[in-house]
Amino acid sequence: MVGKNNQQIVSITIGAELESLQQIKKIFNNIEKGNTIQLCDENVELKLLNAGDTLSFSGGVEVELLLSFSVGVASGIVGNLIYNAICIGIKKLEINGCRTRITEENITQAIETIKKLIV
């Protein structure tokens, strides 16, 4: 996939189990599917795919996001954005279907691994 200025774009899915949808409502101002926000001077895009359609066994709500960014954006920046945006009160985090421990460093490592597979 090619983005602005012929840069490759990395797209990853983020699946999370949250205590409530409050974080997602704060990020997107509501929980309508398809809502998109731009971050990092429009170099990173976060799109809401699903929110609250599924409850876990422990009563948490499932959220699915699509994160897209150019290969040139540092993994640490993207990991920091994910961590700060949704990792408060989170019970479970999956990046591209693989479960990831909820620390900024682990999220950054997962994103770096995905970037290396794509390039």
PDB file of N, CA and C in Angstrom:
ATOM      1  N   MET A   1       0.849  -1.163   0.000  1.00  0.00           N
ATOM      2  CA  MET A   1       0.000   0.000   0.000  1.00  0.00           C
ATOM      3  C   MET A   1       0.903   1.237   0.000  1.00  0.00           C
ATOM      4  N   VAL A   2       0.526   2.238  -0.768  1.00  0.00           N
ATOM      5  CA  VAL A   2       1.331   3.446  -0.877  1.00  0.00           C
ATOM      6  C   VAL A   2       0.534   4.636  -0.387  1.00  0.00           C
ATOM      7  N   GLY A   3       1.167   5.487   0.409  1.00  0.00           N
ATOM      8  CA  GLY A   3       0.506   6.673   0.950  1.00  0.00           C
ATOM      9  C   GLY A   3       1.056   7.931   0.309  1.00  0.00           C
ATOM     10  N   LYS A   4       1.038   9.026   1.044  1.00  0.00           N
ATOM     11  CA  LYS A   4       1.544  10.302   0.564  1.00  0.00           C
ATOM     12  C   LYS A   4       3.012  10.185   0.174  1.00  0.00           C
ATOM     13  N   ASN A   5       3.394  10.877  -0.881  1.00  0.00           N
ATOM     14  CA  ASN A   5       4.783  10.926  -1.348  1.00  0.00           C
ATOM     15  C   ASN A   5       5.365   9.532  -1.590  1.00  0.00           C
ATOM     16  N   ASN A   6       4.536   8.617  -2.081  1.00  0.00           N
ATOM     17  CA  ASN A   6       4.959   7.249  -2.398  1.00  0.00           C
ATOM     18  C   ASN A   6       5.578   6.501  -1.221  1.00  0.00           C
ATOM     19  N   GLN A   7       5.159   6.814   0.000  1.00  0.00           N
ATOM     20  CA  GLN A   7       5.649   6.103   1.171  1.00  0.00           C
ATOM     21  C   GLN A   7       4.782   4.879   1.422  1.00  0.00           C
ATOM     22  N   GLN A   8       5.427   3.779   1.821  1.00  0.00           N
ATOM     23  CA  GLN A   8       4.672   2.593   2.189  1.00  0.00           C
ATOM     24  C   GLN A   8       3.893   2.860   3.460  1.00  0.00           C
ATOM     25  N   ILE A   9       2.673   2.326   3.517  1.00  0.00           N
ATOM     26  CA  ILE A   9       1.820   2.487   4.686  1.00  0.00           C
ATOM     27  C   ILE A   9       1.692   1.146   5.409  1.00  0.00           C
ATOM     28  N   VAL A  10       1.862   1.180   6.717  1.00  0.00           N
ATOM     29  CA  VAL A  10       1.682   0.004   7.557  1.00  0.00           C
ATOM     30  C   VAL A  10       0.304   0.116   8.194  1.00  0.00           C
ATOM     31  N   SER A  11      -0.494  -0.926   8.083  1.00  0.00           N
ATOM     32  CA  SER A  11      -1.809  -0.962   8.729  1.00  0.00           C
ATOM     33  C   SER A  11      -1.840  -2.149   9.671  1.00  0.00           C
ATOM     34  N   ILE A  12      -2.202  -1.889  10.913  1.00  0.00           N
ATOM     35  CA  ILE A  12      -2.306  -2.970  11.894  1.00  0.00           C
ATOM     36  C   ILE A  12      -3.656  -2.884  12.594  1.00  0.00           C
ATOM     37  N   THR A  13      -4.173  -4.026  12.961  1.00  0.00           N
ATOM     38  CA  THR A  13      -5.411  -4.046  13.724  1.00  0.00           C
ATOM     39  C   THR A  13      -5.064  -4.162  15.199  1.00  0.00           C
ATOM     40  N   ILE A  14      -5.831  -3.460  15.991  1.00  0.00           N
ATOM     41  CA  ILE A  14      -5.654  -3.495  17.441  1.00  0.00           C
ATOM     42  C   ILE A  14      -6.961  -3.977  18.040  1.00  0.00           C
ATOM     43  N   GLY A  15      -6.903  -5.074  18.752  1.00  0.00           N
ATOM     44  CA  GLY A  15      -8.059  -5.590  19.464  1.00  0.00           C
ATOM     45  C   GLY A  15      -7.816  -5.418  20.946  1.00  0.00           C
ATOM     46  N   ALA A  16      -8.774  -4.876  21.636  1.00  0.00           N
ATOM     47  CA  ALA A  16      -8.586  -4.636  23.063  1.00  0.00           C
ATOM     48  C   ALA A  16      -9.854  -4.974  23.821  1.00  0.00           C
ATOM     49  N   GLU A  17      -9.657  -5.432  25.042  1.00  0.00           N
ATOM     50  CA  GLU A  17     -10.771  -5.632  25.957  1.00  0.00           C
ATOM     51  C   GLU A  17     -10.659  -4.544  27.014  1.00  0.00           C
ATOM     52  N   LEU A  18     -11.674  -3.702  27.099  1.00  0.00           N
ATOM     53  CA  LEU A  18     -11.667  -2.563  28.000  1.00  0.00           C
ATOM     54  C   LEU A  18     -12.715  -2.733  29.094  1.00  0.00           C
ATOM     55  N   GLU A  19     -12.508  -2.025  30.191  1.00  0.00           N
ATOM     56  CA  GLU A  19     -13.493  -2.009  31.279  1.00  0.00           C
ATOM     57  C   GLU A  19     -14.804  -1.382  30.791  1.00  0.00           C
ATOM     58  N   SER A  20     -14.682  -0.285  30.039  1.00  0.00           N
ATOM     59  CA  SER A  20     -15.851   0.417  29.492  1.00  0.00           C
ATOM     60  C   SER A  20     -15.425   1.092  28.199  1.00  0.00           C
ATOM     61  N   LEU A  21     -16.354   1.715  27.521  1.00  0.00           N
ATOM     62  CA  LEU A  21     -16.054   2.397  26.264  1.00  0.00           C
ATOM     63  C   LEU A  21     -15.669   3.863  26.459  1.00  0.00           C
ATOM     64  N   GLN A  22     -15.446   4.287  27.698  1.00  0.00           N
ATOM     65  CA  GLN A  22     -15.139   5.685  27.972  1.00  0.00           C
ATOM     66  C   GLN A  22     -13.900   6.173  27.227  1.00  0.00           C
ATOM     67  N   GLN A  23     -12.816   5.357  27.211  1.00  0.00           N
ATOM     68  CA  GLN A  23     -11.594   5.781  26.513  1.00  0.00           C
ATOM     69  C   GLN A  23     -11.866   6.010  25.034  1.00  0.00           C
ATOM     70  N   ILE A  24     -12.607   5.089  24.431  1.00  0.00           N
ATOM     71  CA  ILE A  24     -12.894   5.182  22.998  1.00  0.00           C
ATOM     72  C   ILE A  24     -13.783   6.392  22.720  1.00  0.00           C
ATOM     73  N   LYS A  25     -14.752   6.640  23.591  1.00  0.00           N
ATOM     74  CA  LYS A  25     -15.604   7.824  23.423  1.00  0.00           C
ATOM     75  C   LYS A  25     -14.788   9.099  23.517  1.00  0.00           C
ATOM     76  N   LYS A  26     -13.789   9.126  24.414  1.00  0.00           N
ATOM     77  CA  LYS A  26     -12.939  10.315  24.539  1.00  0.00           C
ATOM     78  C   LYS A  26     -12.094  10.517  23.288  1.00  0.00           C
ATOM     79  N   ILE A  27     -11.558   9.442  22.746  1.00  0.00           N
ATOM     80  CA  ILE A  27     -10.690   9.544  21.573  1.00  0.00           C
ATOM     81  C   ILE A  27     -11.481   9.994  20.342  1.00  0.00           C
ATOM     82  N   PHE A  28     -12.637   9.360  20.103  1.00  0.00           N
ATOM     83  CA  PHE A  28     -13.396   9.596  18.876  1.00  0.00           C
ATOM     84  C   PHE A  28     -14.621  10.495  19.063  1.00  0.00           C
ATOM     85  N   ASN A  29     -14.879  10.939  20.280  1.00  0.00           N
ATOM     86  CA  ASN A  29     -16.051  11.750  20.638  1.00  0.00           C
ATOM     87  C   ASN A  29     -17.356  10.963  20.625  1.00  0.00           C
ATOM     88  N   ASN A  30     -17.372   9.774  20.118  1.00  0.00           N
ATOM     89  CA  ASN A  30     -18.514   8.861  20.177  1.00  0.00           C
ATOM     90  C   ASN A  30     -18.013   7.470  19.784  1.00  0.00           C
ATOM     91  N   ILE A  31     -18.911   6.517  19.626  1.00  0.00           N
ATOM     92  CA  ILE A  31     -18.462   5.160  19.294  1.00  0.00           C
ATOM     93  C   ILE A  31     -19.072   4.666  17.989  1.00  0.00           C
ATOM     94  N   GLU A  32     -19.209   5.556  17.019  1.00  0.00           N
ATOM     95  CA  GLU A  32     -19.718   5.145  15.709  1.00  0.00           C
ATOM     96  C   GLU A  32     -18.616   4.480  14.910  1.00  0.00           C
ATOM     97  N   LYS A  33     -18.927   3.338  14.306  1.00  0.00           N
ATOM     98  CA  LYS A  33     -17.962   2.626  13.474  1.00  0.00           C
ATOM     99  C   LYS A  33     -17.558   3.504  12.301  1.00  0.00           C
ATOM    100  N   GLY A  34     -16.311   3.409  11.924  1.00  0.00           N
ATOM    101  CA  GLY A  34     -15.809   4.163  10.783  1.00  0.00           C
ATOM    102  C   GLY A  34     -15.231   5.515  11.137  1.00  0.00           C
ATOM    103  N   ASN A  35     -15.403   5.972  12.373  1.00  0.00           N
ATOM    104  CA  ASN A  35     -14.806   7.249  12.780  1.00  0.00           C
ATOM    105  C   ASN A  35     -13.292   7.155  12.669  1.00  0.00           C
ATOM    106  N   THR A  36     -12.672   8.218  12.204  1.00  0.00           N
ATOM    107  CA  THR A  36     -11.230   8.253  11.996  1.00  0.00           C
ATOM    108  C   THR A  36     -10.661   9.522  12.601  1.00  0.00           C
ATOM    109  N   ILE A  37      -9.493   9.402  13.215  1.00  0.00           N
ATOM    110  CA  ILE A  37      -8.780  10.584  13.684  1.00  0.00           C
ATOM    111  C   ILE A  37      -7.358  10.547  13.131  1.00  0.00           C
ATOM    112  N   GLN A  38      -6.790  11.722  12.932  1.00  0.00           N
ATOM    113  CA  GLN A  38      -5.418  11.869  12.448  1.00  0.00           C
ATOM    114  C   GLN A  38      -4.534  12.289  13.623  1.00  0.00           C
ATOM    115  N   LEU A  39      -3.356  11.693  13.724  1.00  0.00           N
ATOM    116  CA  LEU A  39      -2.408  11.998  14.789  1.00  0.00           C
ATOM    117  C   LEU A  39      -1.034  12.282  14.184  1.00  0.00           C
ATOM    118  N   CYS A  40      -0.146  12.854  14.948  1.00  0.00           N
ATOM    119  CA  CYS A  40       1.235  13.110  14.521  1.00  0.00           C
ATOM    120  C   CYS A  40       1.283  13.851  13.191  1.00  0.00           C
ATOM    121  N   ASP A  41       0.663  15.022  13.152  1.00  0.00           N
ATOM    122  CA  ASP A  41       0.644  15.835  11.927  1.00  0.00           C
ATOM    123  C   ASP A  41       0.122  15.048  10.729  1.00  0.00           C
ATOM    124  N   GLU A  42      -0.922  14.268  10.963  1.00  0.00           N
ATOM    125  CA  GLU A  42      -1.607  13.471   9.944  1.00  0.00           C
ATOM    126  C   GLU A  42      -0.749  12.345   9.371  1.00  0.00           C
ATOM    127  N   ASN A  43       0.315  11.950  10.072  1.00  0.00           N
ATOM    128  CA  ASN A  43       1.127  10.814   9.645  1.00  0.00           C
ATOM    129  C   ASN A  43       0.612   9.499  10.193  1.00  0.00           C
ATOM    130  N   VAL A  44      -0.272   9.563  11.161  1.00  0.00           N
ATOM    131  CA  VAL A  44      -0.851   8.363  11.769  1.00  0.00           C
ATOM    132  C   VAL A  44      -2.369   8.526  11.759  1.00  0.00           C
ATOM    133  N   GLU A  45      -3.061   7.460  11.332  1.00  0.00           N
ATOM    134  CA  GLU A  45      -4.523   7.487  11.299  1.00  0.00           C
ATOM    135  C   GLU A  45      -5.052   6.343  12.153  1.00  0.00           C
ATOM    136  N   LEU A  46      -6.034   6.636  12.966  1.00  0.00           N
ATOM    137  CA  LEU A  46      -6.664   5.640  13.818  1.00  0.00           C
ATOM    138  C   LEU A  46      -8.145   5.577  13.454  1.00  0.00           C
ATOM    139  N   LYS A  47      -8.600   4.388  13.076  1.00  0.00           N
ATOM    140  CA  LYS A  47      -9.987   4.207  12.646  1.00  0.00           C
ATOM    141  C   LYS A  47     -10.682   3.213  13.572  1.00  0.00           C
ATOM    142  N   LEU A  48     -11.901   3.537  13.956  1.00  0.00           N
ATOM    143  CA  LEU A  48     -12.698   2.665  14.815  1.00  0.00           C
ATOM    144  C   LEU A  48     -13.446   1.652  13.949  1.00  0.00           C
ATOM    145  N   LEU A  49     -13.120   0.374  14.096  1.00  0.00           N
ATOM    146  CA  LEU A  49     -13.788  -0.676  13.323  1.00  0.00           C
ATOM    147  C   LEU A  49     -15.007  -1.224  14.045  1.00  0.00           C
ATOM    148  N   ASN A  50     -14.857  -1.550  15.312  1.00  0.00           N
ATOM    149  CA  ASN A  50     -15.954  -2.079  16.135  1.00  0.00           C
ATOM    150  C   ASN A  50     -15.766  -1.617  17.571  1.00  0.00           C
ATOM    151  N   ALA A  51     -16.871  -1.361  18.252  1.00  0.00           N
ATOM    152  CA  ALA A  51     -16.780  -0.962  19.658  1.00  0.00           C
ATOM    153  C   ALA A  51     -18.004  -1.431  20.418  1.00  0.00           C
ATOM    154  N   GLY A  52     -17.771  -2.296  21.393  1.00  0.00           N
ATOM    155  CA  GLY A  52     -18.837  -2.694  22.299  1.00  0.00           C
ATOM    156  C   GLY A  52     -19.825  -3.702  21.763  1.00  0.00           C
ATOM    157  N   ASP A  53     -19.553  -4.259  20.578  1.00  0.00           N
ATOM    158  CA  ASP A  53     -20.473  -5.253  20.022  1.00  0.00           C
ATOM    159  C   ASP A  53     -20.369  -6.596  20.744  1.00  0.00           C
ATOM    160  N   THR A  54     -19.210  -6.835  21.370  1.00  0.00           N
ATOM    161  CA  THR A  54     -18.959  -8.122  22.016  1.00  0.00           C
ATOM    162  C   THR A  54     -18.548  -7.906  23.461  1.00  0.00           C
ATOM    163  N   LEU A  55     -19.110  -8.690  24.357  1.00  0.00           N
ATOM    164  CA  LEU A  55     -18.703  -8.689  25.761  1.00  0.00           C
ATOM    165  C   LEU A  55     -17.852  -9.919  26.027  1.00  0.00           C
ATOM    166  N   SER A  56     -16.833  -9.759  26.863  1.00  0.00           N
ATOM    167  CA  SER A  56     -15.993 -10.898  27.222  1.00  0.00           C
ATOM    168  C   SER A  56     -16.650 -11.658  28.372  1.00  0.00           C
ATOM    169  N   PHE A  57     -16.060 -12.806  28.713  1.00  0.00           N
ATOM    170  CA  PHE A  57     -16.564 -13.584  29.837  1.00  0.00           C
ATOM    171  C   PHE A  57     -16.474 -12.810  31.147  1.00  0.00           C
ATOM    172  N   SER A  58     -15.471 -11.924  31.251  1.00  0.00           N
ATOM    173  CA  SER A  58     -15.292 -11.164  32.487  1.00  0.00           C
ATOM    174  C   SER A  58     -16.104  -9.867  32.494  1.00  0.00           C
ATOM    175  N   GLY A  59     -16.893  -9.637  31.450  1.00  0.00           N
ATOM    176  CA  GLY A  59     -17.758  -8.460  31.423  1.00  0.00           C
ATOM    177  C   GLY A  59     -17.156  -7.233  30.768  1.00  0.00           C
ATOM    178  N   GLY A  60     -15.939  -7.349  30.230  1.00  0.00           N
ATOM    179  CA  GLY A  60     -15.320  -6.234  29.515  1.00  0.00           C
ATOM    180  C   GLY A  60     -15.918  -6.092  28.122  1.00  0.00           C
ATOM    181  N   VAL A  61     -15.660  -4.965  27.497  1.00  0.00           N
ATOM    182  CA  VAL A  61     -16.151  -4.737  26.136  1.00  0.00           C
ATOM    183  C   VAL A  61     -14.996  -4.832  25.153  1.00  0.00           C
ATOM    184  N   GLU A  62     -15.272  -5.432  24.000  1.00  0.00           N
ATOM    185  CA  GLU A  62     -14.263  -5.613  22.969  1.00  0.00           C
ATOM    186  C   GLU A  62     -14.280  -4.434  22.012  1.00  0.00           C
ATOM    187  N   VAL A  63     -13.097  -3.965  21.644  1.00  0.00           N
ATOM    188  CA  VAL A  63     -12.930  -2.854  20.716  1.00  0.00           C
ATOM    189  C   VAL A  63     -11.930  -3.281  19.653  1.00  0.00           C
ATOM    190  N   GLU A  64     -12.192  -2.897  18.402  1.00  0.00           N
ATOM    191  CA  GLU A  64     -11.249  -3.169  17.331  1.00  0.00           C
ATOM    192  C   GLU A  64     -10.957  -1.871  16.591  1.00  0.00           C
ATOM    193  N   LEU A  65      -9.658  -1.580  16.438  1.00  0.00           N
ATOM    194  CA  LEU A  65      -9.199  -0.357  15.784  1.00  0.00           C
ATOM    195  C   LEU A  65      -8.277  -0.720  14.634  1.00  0.00           C
ATOM    196  N   LEU A  66      -8.176   0.162  13.643  1.00  0.00           N
ATOM    197  CA  LEU A  66      -7.218   0.013  12.565  1.00  0.00           C
ATOM    198  C   LEU A  66      -6.279   1.209  12.633  1.00  0.00           C
ATOM    199  N   LEU A  67      -4.998   0.931  12.776  1.00  0.00           N
ATOM    200  CA  LEU A  67      -3.986   1.973  12.867  1.00  0.00           C
ATOM    201  C   LEU A  67      -3.158   1.935  11.600  1.00  0.00           C
ATOM    202  N   SER A  68      -3.037   3.069  10.909  1.00  0.00           N
ATOM    203  CA  SER A  68      -2.255   3.156   9.676  1.00  0.00           C
ATOM    204  C   SER A  68      -1.240   4.274   9.820  1.00  0.00           C
ATOM    205  N   PHE A  69      -0.009   3.994   9.369  1.00  0.00           N
ATOM    206  CA  PHE A  69       1.058   4.991   9.441  1.00  0.00           C
ATOM    207  C   PHE A  69       2.122   4.642   8.414  1.00  0.00           C
ATOM    208  N   SER A  70       2.897   5.647   8.011  1.00  0.00           N
ATOM    209  CA  SER A  70       3.942   5.397   7.020  1.00  0.00           C
ATOM    210  C   SER A  70       5.115   4.679   7.678  1.00  0.00           C
ATOM    211  N   VAL A  71       5.852   3.933   6.868  1.00  0.00           N
ATOM    212  CA  VAL A  71       6.991   3.169   7.371  1.00  0.00           C
ATOM    213  C   VAL A  71       7.999   4.080   8.055  1.00  0.00           C
ATOM    214  N   GLY A  72       8.092   5.331   7.619  1.00  0.00           N
ATOM    215  CA  GLY A  72       9.058   6.268   8.182  1.00  0.00           C
ATOM    216  C   GLY A  72       8.741   6.754   9.583  1.00  0.00           C
ATOM    217  N   VAL A  73       7.523   6.537  10.058  1.00  0.00           N
ATOM    218  CA  VAL A  73       7.160   6.970  11.412  1.00  0.00           C
ATOM    219  C   VAL A  73       7.780   5.995  12.412  1.00  0.00           C
ATOM    220  N   ALA A  74       8.435   6.526  13.415  1.00  0.00           N
ATOM    221  CA  ALA A  74       9.136   5.691  14.394  1.00  0.00           C
ATOM    222  C   ALA A  74       8.159   4.810  15.168  1.00  0.00           C
ATOM    223  N   SER A  75       8.538   3.554  15.346  1.00  0.00           N
ATOM    224  CA  SER A  75       7.704   2.604  16.092  1.00  0.00           C
ATOM    225  C   SER A  75       7.450   3.073  17.509  1.00  0.00           C
ATOM    226  N   GLY A  76       8.439   3.730  18.111  1.00  0.00           N
ATOM    227  CA  GLY A  76       8.283   4.232  19.478  1.00  0.00           C
ATOM    228  C   GLY A  76       7.182   5.273  19.579  1.00  0.00           C
ATOM    229  N   ILE A  77       7.055   6.116  18.565  1.00  0.00           N
ATOM    230  CA  ILE A  77       6.000   7.124  18.552  1.00  0.00           C
ATOM    231  C   ILE A  77       4.643   6.452  18.456  1.00  0.00           C
ATOM    232  N   VAL A  78       4.527   5.475  17.562  1.00  0.00           N
ATOM    233  CA  VAL A  78       3.260   4.776  17.391  1.00  0.00           C
ATOM    234  C   VAL A  78       2.909   3.986  18.640  1.00  0.00           C
ATOM    235  N   GLY A  79       3.902   3.303  19.229  1.00  0.00           N
ATOM    236  CA  GLY A  79       3.667   2.560  20.464  1.00  0.00           C
ATOM    237  C   GLY A  79       3.209   3.457  21.589  1.00  0.00           C
ATOM    238  N   ASN A  80       3.816   4.634  21.677  1.00  0.00           N
ATOM    239  CA  ASN A  80       3.431   5.613  22.694  1.00  0.00           C
ATOM    240  C   ASN A  80       2.000   6.088  22.480  1.00  0.00           C
ATOM    241  N   LEU A  81       1.613   6.334  21.232  1.00  0.00           N
ATOM    242  CA  LEU A  81       0.240   6.761  20.938  1.00  0.00           C
ATOM    243  C   LEU A  81      -0.772   5.699  21.359  1.00  0.00           C
ATOM    244  N   ILE A  82      -0.495   4.446  21.006  1.00  0.00           N
ATOM    245  CA  ILE A  82      -1.399   3.357  21.384  1.00  0.00           C
ATOM    246  C   ILE A  82      -1.495   3.261  22.902  1.00  0.00           C
ATOM    247  N   TYR A  83      -0.350   3.243  23.555  1.00  0.00           N
ATOM    248  CA  TYR A  83      -0.321   3.084  25.007  1.00  0.00           C
ATOM    249  C   TYR A  83      -1.088   4.202  25.692  1.00  0.00           C
ATOM    250  N   ASN A  84      -0.828   5.441  25.306  1.00  0.00           N
ATOM    251  CA  ASN A  84      -1.483   6.575  25.948  1.00  0.00           C
ATOM    252  C   ASN A  84      -2.969   6.678  25.595  1.00  0.00           C
ATOM    253  N   ALA A  85      -3.347   6.217  24.418  1.00  0.00           N
ATOM    254  CA  ALA A  85      -4.740   6.352  23.999  1.00  0.00           C
ATOM    255  C   ALA A  85      -5.650   5.313  24.641  1.00  0.00           C
ATOM    256  N   ILE A  86      -5.231   4.046  24.650  1.00  0.00           N
ATOM    257  CA  ILE A  86      -6.196   3.020  25.057  1.00  0.00           C
ATOM    258  C   ILE A  86      -5.757   2.113  26.189  1.00  0.00           C
ATOM    259  N   CYS A  87      -4.555   2.236  26.694  1.00  0.00           N
ATOM    260  CA  CYS A  87      -4.072   1.240  27.645  1.00  0.00           C
ATOM    261  C   CYS A  87      -4.366   1.547  29.102  1.00  0.00           C
ATOM    262  N   ILE A  88      -5.232   2.500  29.380  1.00  0.00           N
ATOM    263  CA  ILE A  88      -5.658   2.759  30.754  1.00  0.00           C
ATOM    264  C   ILE A  88      -6.917   1.920  30.995  1.00  0.00           C
ATOM    265  N   GLY A  89      -6.875   1.060  31.981  1.00  0.00           N
ATOM    266  CA  GLY A  89      -8.027   0.216  32.276  1.00  0.00           C
ATOM    267  C   GLY A  89      -8.230  -0.915  31.290  1.00  0.00           C
ATOM    268  N   ILE A  90      -7.204  -1.222  30.520  1.00  0.00           N
ATOM    269  CA  ILE A  90      -7.323  -2.276  29.510  1.00  0.00           C
ATOM    270  C   ILE A  90      -7.064  -3.637  30.161  1.00  0.00           C
ATOM    271  N   LYS A  91      -7.770  -4.648  29.706  1.00  0.00           N
ATOM    272  CA  LYS A  91      -7.598  -5.997  30.233  1.00  0.00           C
ATOM    273  C   LYS A  91      -6.780  -6.875  29.293  1.00  0.00           C
ATOM    274  N   LYS A  92      -6.890  -6.625  27.977  1.00  0.00           N
ATOM    275  CA  LYS A  92      -6.239  -7.480  26.993  1.00  0.00           C
ATOM    276  C   LYS A  92      -5.916  -6.635  25.773  1.00  0.00           C
ATOM    277  N   LEU A  93      -4.782  -6.903  25.126  1.00  0.00           N
ATOM    278  CA  LEU A  93      -4.412  -6.182  23.914  1.00  0.00           C
ATOM    279  C   LEU A  93      -3.881  -7.164  22.884  1.00  0.00           C
ATOM    280  N   GLU A  94      -4.386  -7.063  21.667  1.00  0.00           N
ATOM    281  CA  GLU A  94      -3.888  -7.863  20.553  1.00  0.00           C
ATOM    282  C   GLU A  94      -3.501  -6.928  19.428  1.00  0.00           C
ATOM    283  N   ILE A  95      -2.356  -7.184  18.821  1.00  0.00           N
ATOM    284  CA  ILE A  95      -1.916  -6.427  17.660  1.00  0.00           C
ATOM    285  C   ILE A  95      -1.787  -7.407  16.511  1.00  0.00           C
ATOM    286  N   ASN A  96      -2.569  -7.192  15.455  1.00  0.00           N
ATOM    287  CA  ASN A  96      -2.660  -8.115  14.316  1.00  0.00           C
ATOM    288  C   ASN A  96      -2.948  -9.544  14.772  1.00  0.00           C
ATOM    289  N   GLY A  97      -3.829  -9.682  15.728  1.00  0.00           N
ATOM    290  CA  GLY A  97      -4.264 -10.992  16.185  1.00  0.00           C
ATOM    291  C   GLY A  97      -3.336 -11.682  17.169  1.00  0.00           C
ATOM    292  N   CYS A  98      -2.187 -11.068  17.488  1.00  0.00           N
ATOM    293  CA  CYS A  98      -1.252 -11.658  18.442  1.00  0.00           C
ATOM    294  C   CYS A  98      -1.341 -10.913  19.768  1.00  0.00           C
ATOM    295  N   ARG A  99      -1.547 -11.654  20.823  1.00  0.00           N
ATOM    296  CA  ARG A  99      -1.652 -11.042  22.151  1.00  0.00           C
ATOM    297  C   ARG A  99      -0.331 -10.389  22.530  1.00  0.00           C
ATOM    298  N   THR A 100      -0.400  -9.209  23.106  1.00  0.00           N
ATOM    299  CA  THR A 100       0.779  -8.432  23.474  1.00  0.00           C
ATOM    300  C   THR A 100       0.645  -7.969  24.916  1.00  0.00           C
ATOM    301  N   ARG A 101       1.733  -8.054  25.654  1.00  0.00           N
ATOM    302  CA  ARG A 101       1.703  -7.544  27.031  1.00  0.00           C
ATOM    303  C   ARG A 101       1.527  -6.040  26.998  1.00  0.00           C
ATOM    304  N   ILE A 102       0.828  -5.520  27.981  1.00  0.00           N
ATOM    305  CA  ILE A 102       0.428  -4.116  27.975  1.00  0.00           C
ATOM    306  C   ILE A 102       1.491  -3.242  28.634  1.00  0.00           C
ATOM    307  N   THR A 103       2.588  -3.077  27.915  1.00  0.00           N
ATOM    308  CA  THR A 103       3.596  -2.081  28.292  1.00  0.00           C
ATOM    309  C   THR A 103       3.961  -1.343  27.013  1.00  0.00           C
ATOM    310  N   GLU A 104       4.383  -0.120  27.154  1.00  0.00           N
ATOM    311  CA  GLU A 104       4.749   0.671  25.976  1.00  0.00           C
ATOM    312  C   GLU A 104       5.874  -0.005  25.190  1.00  0.00           C
ATOM    313  N   GLU A 105       6.839  -0.590  25.892  1.00  0.00           N
ATOM    314  CA  GLU A 105       7.966  -1.250  25.231  1.00  0.00           C
ATOM    315  C   GLU A 105       7.515  -2.464  24.435  1.00  0.00           C
ATOM    316  N   ASN A 106       6.626  -3.278  24.994  1.00  0.00           N
ATOM    317  CA  ASN A 106       6.144  -4.461  24.285  1.00  0.00           C
ATOM    318  C   ASN A 106       5.319  -4.087  23.068  1.00  0.00           C
ATOM    319  N   ILE A 107       4.524  -3.031  23.174  1.00  0.00           N
ATOM    320  CA  ILE A 107       3.729  -2.567  22.040  1.00  0.00           C
ATOM    321  C   ILE A 107       4.659  -2.072  20.932  1.00  0.00           C
ATOM    322  N   THR A 108       5.676  -1.306  21.307  1.00  0.00           N
ATOM    323  CA  THR A 108       6.644  -0.798  20.330  1.00  0.00           C
ATOM    324  C   THR A 108       7.375  -1.947  19.644  1.00  0.00           C
ATOM    325  N   GLN A 109       7.770  -2.974  20.391  1.00  0.00           N
ATOM    326  CA  GLN A 109       8.443  -4.137  19.804  1.00  0.00           C
ATOM    327  C   GLN A 109       7.532  -4.858  18.822  1.00  0.00           C
ATOM    328  N   ALA A 110       6.263  -5.012  19.178  1.00  0.00           N
ATOM    329  CA  ALA A 110       5.312  -5.677  18.281  1.00  0.00           C
ATOM    330  C   ALA A 110       5.165  -4.894  16.976  1.00  0.00           C
ATOM    331  N   ILE A 111       5.091  -3.576  17.076  1.00  0.00           N
ATOM    332  CA  ILE A 111       4.949  -2.741  15.882  1.00  0.00           C
ATOM    333  C   ILE A 111       6.211  -2.810  15.026  1.00  0.00           C
ATOM    334  N   GLU A 112       7.364  -2.789  15.656  1.00  0.00           N
ATOM    335  CA  GLU A 112       8.632  -2.896  14.912  1.00  0.00           C
ATOM    336  C   GLU A 112       8.708  -4.229  14.165  1.00  0.00           C
ATOM    337  N   THR A 113       8.279  -5.305  14.794  1.00  0.00           N
ATOM    338  CA  THR A 113       8.266  -6.616  14.145  1.00  0.00           C
ATOM    339  C   THR A 113       7.356  -6.601  12.924  1.00  0.00           C
ATOM    340  N   ILE A 114       6.186  -6.009  13.050  1.00  0.00           N
ATOM    341  CA  ILE A 114       5.243  -5.920  11.928  1.00  0.00           C
ATOM    342  C   ILE A 114       5.845  -5.101  10.796  1.00  0.00           C
ATOM    343  N   LYS A 115       6.479  -3.978  11.121  1.00  0.00           N
ATOM    344  CA  LYS A 115       7.101  -3.137  10.098  1.00  0.00           C
ATOM    345  C   LYS A 115       8.175  -3.907   9.331  1.00  0.00           C
ATOM    346  N   LYS A 116       8.978  -4.689  10.031  1.00  0.00           N
ATOM    347  CA  LYS A 116      10.046  -5.466   9.375  1.00  0.00           C
ATOM    348  C   LYS A 116       9.471  -6.531   8.444  1.00  0.00           C
ATOM    349  N   LEU A 117       8.336  -7.108   8.798  1.00  0.00           N
ATOM    350  CA  LEU A 117       7.708  -8.107   7.939  1.00  0.00           C
ATOM    351  C   LEU A 117       7.158  -7.482   6.662  1.00  0.00           C
ATOM    352  N   ILE A 118       6.732  -6.237   6.742  1.00  0.00           N
ATOM    353  CA  ILE A 118       6.119  -5.570   5.598  1.00  0.00           C
ATOM    354  C   ILE A 118       7.152  -5.036   4.628  1.00  0.00           C
ATOM    355  N   VAL A 119       8.253  -4.506   5.159  1.00  0.00           N
ATOM    356  CA  VAL A 119       9.268  -3.868   4.290  1.00  0.00           C
ATOM    357  C   VAL A 119      10.113  -4.881   3.571  1.00  0.00           C
TER     358      VAL A 119
END
